[in-house]
C-alpha atoms as a PDB file:
ATOM      1  CA  MET A   1       0.038  -0.030   0.022  1.00  0.00           C
ATOM      2  CA  ASN A   2       1.634   3.259  -1.129  1.00  0.00           C
ATOM      3  CA  LEU A   3       0.885   6.246   0.984  1.00  0.00           C
ATOM      4  CA  ILE A   4       1.274   9.995   0.031  1.00  0.00           C
ATOM      5  CA  ALA A   5       2.633  12.688   2.387  1.00  0.00           C
ATOM      6  CA  LYS A   6       1.246  16.095   1.338  1.00  0.00           C
ATOM      7  CA  PRO A   7       3.129  19.114   2.796  1.00  0.00           C
ATOM      8  CA  VAL A   8       1.170  21.489   5.100  1.00  0.00           C
ATOM      9  CA  VAL A   9       4.185  23.435   6.379  1.00  0.00           C
ATOM     10  CA  GLN A  10       7.225  23.194   4.158  1.00  0.00           C
ATOM     11  CA  ASP A  11       9.799  20.677   5.555  1.00  0.00           C
ATOM     12  CA  GLN A  12       8.044  20.528   8.968  1.00  0.00           C
ATOM     13  CA  TYR A  13       4.627  18.846   8.771  1.00  0.00           C
ATOM     14  CA  TRP A  14       2.844  16.552   6.256  1.00  0.00           C
ATOM     15  CA  ILE A  15      -0.517  14.856   6.209  1.00  0.00           C
ATOM     16  CA  VAL A  16      -0.300  11.222   5.068  1.00  0.00           C
ATOM     17  CA  THR A  17      -3.234   9.959   2.934  1.00  0.00           C
ATOM     18  CA  ASP A  18      -3.966   6.659   1.248  1.00  0.00           C
ATOM     19  CA  GLY A  19      -5.183   8.670  -1.780  1.00  0.00           C
ATOM     20  CA  LYS A  20      -8.657   9.303  -0.381  1.00  0.00           C
ATOM     21  CA  LYS A  21      -8.545   9.902   3.321  1.00  0.00           C
ATOM     22  CA  LYS A  22      -6.081  10.934   6.013  1.00  0.00           C
ATOM     23  CA  VAL A  23      -4.312   8.032   7.686  1.00  0.00           C
ATOM     24  CA  GLY A  24      -1.559   9.782   9.636  1.00  0.00           C
ATOM     25  CA  ASN A  25       0.958  12.540   9.673  1.00  0.00           C
ATOM     26  CA  VAL A  26       4.752  13.240   9.637  1.00  0.00           C
ATOM     27  CA  LEU A  27       6.167  15.894  12.000  1.00  0.00           C
ATOM     28  CA  ALA A  28       9.738  17.146  11.958  1.00  0.00           C
ATOM     29  CA  HIS A  29      11.525  17.922  15.161  1.00  0.00           C
ATOM     30  CA  GLY A  30      15.080  18.756  16.219  1.00  0.00           C
ATOM     31  CA  SER A  31      16.516  15.283  16.003  1.00  0.00           C
ATOM     32  CA  GLY A  32      14.548  13.726  13.234  1.00  0.00           C
ATOM     33  CA  PHE A  33      10.908  12.933  12.121  1.00  0.00           C
ATOM     34  CA  SER A  34       7.933  11.394  13.948  1.00  0.00           C
ATOM     35  CA  VAL A  35       5.618   9.335  11.817  1.00  0.00           C
ATOM     36  CA  LYS A  36       2.159   8.552  13.210  1.00  0.00           C
ATOM     37  CA  ILE A  37       0.023   6.247  11.222  1.00  0.00           C
ATOM     38  CA  GLY A  38      -3.134   4.990  12.988  1.00  0.00           C
ATOM     39  CA  ASN A  39      -2.188   4.336  16.579  1.00  0.00           C
ATOM     40  CA  THR A  40       1.469   3.591  15.915  1.00  0.00           C
ATOM     41  CA  LYS A  41       4.175   6.274  16.257  1.00  0.00           C
ATOM     42  CA  LYS A  42       7.716   5.762  14.907  1.00  0.00           C
ATOM     43  CA  GLU A  43      10.848   7.841  14.878  1.00  0.00           C
ATOM     44  CA  TYR A  44      13.172   8.216  11.770  1.00  0.00           C
ATOM     45  CA  PRO A  45      16.277  10.346  11.070  1.00  0.00           C
ATOM     46  CA  SER A  46      15.294  11.482   7.576  1.00  0.00           C
ATOM     47  CA  THR A  47      12.451  11.624   5.008  1.00  0.00           C
ATOM     48  CA  LYS A  48      14.407   9.190   2.745  1.00  0.00           C
ATOM     49  CA  THR A  49      14.351   6.636   5.527  1.00  0.00           C
ATOM     50  CA  ILE A  50      10.658   7.058   5.949  1.00  0.00           C
ATOM     51  CA  SER A  51      10.091   6.681   2.166  1.00  0.00           C
ATOM     52  CA  ASN A  52      12.079   3.383   2.123  1.00  0.00           C
ATOM     53  CA  LYS A  53      10.730   1.777   5.310  1.00  0.00           C
ATOM     54  CA  GLU A  54       7.171   3.081   5.393  1.00  0.00           C
ATOM     55  CA  GLN A  55       6.473   3.191   1.651  1.00  0.00           C
ATOM     56  CA  ILE A  56       5.435   6.916   1.928  1.00  0.00           C
ATOM     57  CA  GLU A  57       5.850   9.149  -1.125  1.00  0.00           C
ATOM     58  CA  PHE A  58       6.597  12.757  -0.147  1.00  0.00           C
ATOM     59  CA  VAL A  59       5.062  15.431  -2.426  1.00  0.00           C
ATOM     60  CA  LYS A  60       7.065  18.567  -2.970  1.00  0.00           C
ATOM     61  CA  PHE A  61       5.790  22.054  -2.354  1.00  0.00           C
ATOM     62  CA  LYS A  62       4.774  23.797  -5.619  1.00  0.00           C
ATOM     63  CA  LYS A  63       6.745  26.936  -5.998  1.00  0.00           C
ATOM     64  CA  VAL A  64       4.892  30.225  -6.881  1.00  0.00           C
ATOM     65  CA  ASP A  65       6.237  32.068  -9.975  1.00  0.00           C
ATOM     66  CA  LYS A  66       7.278  35.473  -8.707  1.00  0.00           C
ATOM     67  CA  LYS A  67       6.674  37.171 -11.960  1.00  0.00           C
ATOM     68  CA  ASN A  68       3.019  35.781 -12.281  1.00  0.00           C
ATOM     69  CA  PRO A  69       1.987  34.728  -8.748  1.00  0.00           C
ATOM     70  CA  ASN A  70      -1.465  33.425  -9.889  1.00  0.00           C
ATOM     71  CA  PRO A  71      -2.362  30.279  -7.970  1.00  0.00           C
ATOM     72  CA  TYR A  72      -5.501  29.701 -10.020  1.00  0.00           C
ATOM     73  CA  GLU A  73      -4.178  29.520 -13.571  1.00  0.00           C
ATOM     74  CA  PHE A  74      -7.164  27.785 -14.977  1.00  0.00           C
ATOM     75  CA  TYR A  75      -8.785  30.673 -16.827  1.00  0.00           C
ATOM     76  CA  PRO A  76      -7.166  33.612 -18.739  1.00  0.00           C
ATOM     77  CA  THR A  77      -6.731  37.066 -17.186  1.00  0.00           C
ATOM     78  CA  THR A  78      -6.212  40.501 -18.759  1.00  0.00           C
ATOM     79  CA  GLY A  79      -2.794  41.113 -17.234  1.00  0.00           C
ATOM     80  CA  ARG A  80      -1.001  40.978 -13.945  1.00  0.00           C
ATOM     81  CA  VAL A  81      -2.874  39.389 -11.037  1.00  0.00           C
ATOM     82  CA  PHE A  82      -2.999  40.701  -7.433  1.00  0.00           C
ATOM     83  CA  ASN A  83      -4.937  39.594  -4.412  1.00  0.00           C
ATOM     84  CA  SER A  84      -6.173  36.264  -5.784  1.00  0.00           C
ATOM     85  CA  LEU A  85      -9.041  34.544  -4.172  1.00  0.00           C
ATOM     86  CA  LEU A  86     -11.686  32.006  -5.123  1.00  0.00           C
ATOM     87  CA  ASP A  87     -15.443  32.573  -4.986  1.00  0.00           C
ATOM     88  CA  VAL A  88     -16.247  28.996  -3.912  1.00  0.00           C
ATOM     89  CA  ARG A  89     -19.969  29.190  -4.344  1.00  0.00           C
ATOM     90  CA  ARG A  90     -19.698  30.266  -8.035  1.00  0.00           C
ATOM     91  CA  LYS A  91     -16.304  28.532  -8.579  1.00  0.00           C
ATOM     92  CA  ILE A  92     -14.772  31.691 -10.023  1.00  0.00           C
ATOM     93  CA  HIS A  93     -11.218  32.969  -9.632  1.00  0.00           C
ATOM     94  CA  LEU A  94     -11.369  36.599  -8.484  1.00  0.00           C
ATOM     95  CA  PHE A  95      -8.437  39.032  -8.675  1.00  0.00           C
ATOM     96  CA  THR A  96      -7.596  42.687  -8.621  1.00  0.00           C
ATOM     97  CA  LYS A  97      -5.464  44.536 -11.207  1.00  0.00           C
ATOM     98  CA  THR A  98      -3.380  46.515  -8.682  1.00  0.00           C
ATOM     99  CA  GLN A  99      -2.042  45.837  -5.283  1.00  0.00           C
ATOM    100  CA  LYS A 100      -4.296  48.376  -3.392  1.00  0.00           C
ATOM    101  CA  SER A 101      -7.371  48.020  -5.578  1.00  0.00           C
ATOM    102  CA  LYS A 102     -10.774  46.948  -3.950  1.00  0.00           C
ATOM    103  CA  CYS A 103     -12.385  46.268  -7.314  1.00  0.00           C
ATOM    104  CA  TYR A 104     -12.404  42.439  -8.071  1.00  0.00           C
ATOM    105  CA  TYR A 105     -12.533  40.942 -11.543  1.00  0.00           C
ATOM    106  CA  ALA A 106     -13.577  37.402 -12.523  1.00  0.00           C
ATOM    107  CA  ALA A 107     -10.961  35.483 -14.551  1.00  0.00           C
ATOM    108  CA  GLY A 108     -12.047  33.890 -17.866  1.00  0.00           C
ATOM    109  CA  TRP A 109     -14.510  34.482 -20.598  1.00  0.00           C
ATOM    110  CA  PHE A 110     -18.130  35.118 -19.593  1.00  0.00           C
ATOM    111  CA  ALA A 111     -21.382  35.370 -21.476  1.00  0.00           C
ATOM    112  CA  LEU A 112     -23.143  38.423 -19.745  1.00  0.00           C
ATOM    113  CA  LYS A 113     -26.572  39.581 -20.602  1.00  0.00           C
ATOM    114  CA  GLN A 114     -26.451  43.344 -21.381  1.00  0.00           C
ATOM    115  CA  GLY A 115     -29.964  44.681 -22.003  1.00  0.00           C
ATOM    116  CA  SER A 116     -31.830  42.028 -23.997  1.00  0.00           C
ATOM    117  CA  GLU A 117     -28.762  40.312 -25.632  1.00  0.00           C
ATOM    118  CA  PHE A 118     -25.864  38.324 -24.441  1.00  0.00           C
ATOM    119  CA  ALA A 119     -22.229  39.558 -25.075  1.00  0.00           C
ATOM    120  CA  THR A 120     -18.849  37.841 -24.518  1.00  0.00           C
ATOM    121  CA  VAL A 121     -16.542  39.623 -22.052  1.00  0.00           C
ATOM    122  CA  LEU A 122     -13.062  38.690 -20.913  1.00  0.00           C
ATOM    123  CA  CYS A 123     -12.582  39.243 -17.145  1.00  0.00           C
ATOM    124  CA  PRO A 124     -15.725  41.241 -16.243  1.00  0.00           C
ATOM    125  CA  LYS A 125     -16.012  42.912 -12.866  1.00  0.00           C
ATOM    126  CA  HIS A 126     -17.245  40.598 -10.228  1.00  0.00           C
ATOM    127  CA  ILE A 127     -20.124  42.867  -9.419  1.00  0.00           C
ATOM    128  CA  PHE A 128     -21.444  42.337 -12.983  1.00  0.00           C
ATOM    129  CA  VAL A 129     -21.297  38.572 -12.617  1.00  0.00           C
ATOM    130  CA  GLN A 130     -23.302  38.854  -9.438  1.00  0.00           C
ATOM    131  CA  ARG A 131     -25.925  41.334 -10.650  1.00  0.00           C
ATOM    132  CA  TYR A 132     -26.663  40.134 -14.160  1.00  0.00           C
ATOM    133  CA  GLU A 133     -27.466  36.836 -15.806  1.00  0.00           C
ATOM    134  CA  SER A 134     -24.130  35.219 -16.808  1.00  0.00           C
ATOM    135  CA  TYR A 135     -22.631  32.028 -17.819  1.00  0.00           C
ATOM    136  CA  GLY A 136     -18.977  31.121 -17.343  1.00  0.00           C
ATOM    137  CA  PRO A 137     -16.182  31.114 -16.826  1.00  0.00           C
ATOM    138  CA  PHE A 138     -14.812  29.711 -20.133  1.00  0.00           C
ATOM    139  CA  MET A 139     -11.239  29.118 -21.346  1.00  0.00           C
ATOM    140  CA  THR A 140     -11.816  30.691 -24.745  1.00  0.00           C
ATOM    141  CA  LYS A 141     -14.006  33.289 -26.472  1.00  0.00           C
ATOM    142  CA  ASN A 142     -15.363  30.571 -28.751  1.00  0.00           C
ATOM    143  CA  GLU A 143     -16.609  28.556 -25.782  1.00  0.00           C
ATOM    144  CA  ALA A 144     -18.475  31.565 -24.433  1.00  0.00           C
ATOM    145  CA  GLU A 145     -20.053  32.307 -27.882  1.00  0.00           C
ATOM    146  CA  ASN A 146     -21.099  28.641 -28.187  1.00  0.00           C
ATOM    147  CA  ALA A 147     -22.824  28.844 -24.791  1.00  0.00           C
ATOM    148  CA  ILE A 148     -24.749  31.868 -26.017  1.00  0.00           C
ATOM    149  CA  ASN A 149     -25.827  30.099 -29.223  1.00  0.00           C
ATOM    150  CA  THR A 150     -27.121  27.133 -27.185  1.00  0.00           C
ATOM    151  CA  LEU A 151     -29.408  29.354 -25.053  1.00  0.00           C
END
């Protein structure tokens, strides 16, 4: 049975899963590492030793690109991204265009109803997505236009 250790705090704390649910954890301390799986707790000198003896695969932390620190790179944006967050209810990546801005934009292409007709818009303001009838986000303009044509 191969287990996966996902990092929570880089090089200090990992959650061990069987692929679906949590089965234990790994904690770094001054003299080594503590591995707790179920009710058993064992000590090891390094993560390599843990990988070999316990059959645990350690997943590396994904580094953030400093030039484009967009953690939600699923949908296109109009430029540099600041203050990224995720609207969980609508499943939309929100961002601001400047560091101090309070105006959030939705990443991706959207079909927004303007008046009596739909229009395709890249990265509309979040307030428009909330107020007006909209469909999206989409990866390309063609996908948004196809959604309009199927309405």
